Amino acid sequence: MSEIPAGEVVAAFLEAAGVETAFGVISIHNMPMLDAIGRRNRIRFVPARGEAGAVNMADAHARVSGGLGVAFTSTGTGAGNACGALVEAQTAGTPLLHLTGQIETAFLDQDRGYIHEARDQLTMLRGASKAALRVRCAADLPGALREAARIARTPPGGPVSVEIPIDIQEGSLARPSSLAPLPPDRPEPDAAALDQLADALAAARRAVLWVGRGRGLGGGAAGAGAEARALARLGFGIVTSIHGRGTIPEGDPMSLGAFNLQPPVEAFYAGCDAMLVVGSRLRGNETFKYRLALPRPLYRIDADPRADGRSYANDIFVHGDAANAMAGLAERLRGRMDIEPALAPDLAAARLAAEAGLRATLGPYERLMDDVQGAVPDDVVWVRDITLSNSSWGNRAPRLSGPRCGVHALGGGIGQGLPMAIGAALAAPGRKTVALVGDGGLALSLGEIATLVQERADVALIAMNDRGYGVIRNIQDRGYGGRHLYTDLALPDLAALAGGLGLPFRRVGDVAGMRAALDRAIAADGPSMVEIDMTAIGPFAIPFAGPPVRAKG
């Protein structure tokens, strides 16, 4: 039987898995794999400026494309640099393959200070990833790759790290009989459980469906938009988690969007007689740390069996793939629902009141929100970093048309928006990606601006510059006597930085100029940046000082 270089096996497996784009940083401990990718020239490799950025790019690429994200790093400090971004992918349930080198097998785990060595790296990666595997001989490589991709794509999804020592990468093995990816496990809903759930819901007259994106293939809304719309047509009101935005187009009259904890919406919930939660963890920042009053009875569908009763007690739980479960439920409910006619206008009134409450907090940034909504195309990919404008309005506006149109740092870490925008844009050729970032977050990923330009990613980057950590300042005003400690940041002149890289740039210092600058950036062919000078424009009407909380009792 003929032999094949190990690096070639990695490249061939990724091709068989349908991977078209991979991200990473080349190193002496991953060169055989990347050399094979370059020689075969079937996968686009994007050289990021740092390992964290590479994983963020692969994460967003997978979220938008629906495929398997792939990132390459070196071992040791290189793998360590990737860990924060791996935690984000784990939080979001993104199916992602992290391929890291490792030192020679003869010197592994001996703490000799070997270059690129990390003591107990596999434990570190297991903590940041859904799983971490080590390839111990060349013959194990195909099976490890196939199993890693299967685990990553099985809900609840997540990143899987694979360590491949450099001597194994440089070696060869018998040509594998197959490199076809293994299918992920997709739990099928139990028919009797669906019958029970349908019987319960058929008695509801004011039913609401809360849809999350889920965590990976089959987990939630990202692959079940049509099935969620089928339930909406039966009369369900729809609300989504922030991660599940766009499951139902947010212009749909039966959609609350992600307005899920504003007082008018909670009052609306009080008048509902059932809620079905599909693929959502009902996260603490979207439920007043689990104190939001949700309709009762509360039913749940989730591909993760551990969701049963987690965060909120549920009356019926169905374990299964979201798309198949919702399709089966809609079939069982067809012709049986008797939804109260007042539900639709009550829902619309709650959304209008929630939007009005949001607008009252924005001050001059209400104009920016409206300008963004007016400027972006219907199929925009909307990427947000954790910054004041995201947390106040960008996480609920503009209205998104599909479940793969929105990407944000679900785990709350700043600095991930720019690399995520690059990955998202490369996953959506022919569509515009618009990214909302703050100056504090941008400072963490300035090097990736060079990646943005080099790859000509079609991104309009909106940089909100208040010269520091604005949300932290607001929290310090509220709870720390107004002491603004460690929040002022020195940042390069963005116009000069953009000019040095040949990146089209506009600075806006008044609300009247925002729409024209956005229109030009969005119309541009390729990347551009718009800096919004928040110190010139002024403060929000009501400062945002962290996720809303509700007192106990």
Foldseek 3Di string as FASTA:
>chain_A
DDKDFLLLLLLVLCVLQVAAEAEEADDPQNVLNVVNCVVVVRHHYFYFPALCLRLLLQQLLCLQQVGEREYEFEAAVRVVRNLVSQQLQLLQLGLYEYEYEAADPVCAQVPPPPPRHDHPVLVSVVVRWVHEEEDPALVCSLVVVLVQSQQQAAPLHGYYYYYYYRVSNRGMDHDDPDSNHDHHDFFAWDLVLLLVVLVVQLPWQAEAEEWECARHALFTLQPALVLVVLVVVLPHQYEYDLLQAQSAFCVDLSYLGNLQADVLNLVLQVPTAEYEYGRDLCDCLSQLHLPRDGHPQYEYEGCDPVSACHSHHHDGYIHGRRNNSSNSNSVSNVPRHNHDPVNSVSSNVSSVVSVVVLCQFFVLCNLVLVLVLVQFDQQEQEFEFPAQCCVRPVSRDDGHNHSSRYYYSPVRDAQSRLSSQQSNQVSDPPHAYEYEHEPVSCVNRVSCVLSQLVVLRRYEYEYEYPQWRQLVQVQCVVPVVSDPPPTGDDDPDVVVVCVVNVAAEEEDQESVPNNVVSNVSNPDRGYHYYYYHDVNHDDTNHGNHDRDHDDDD
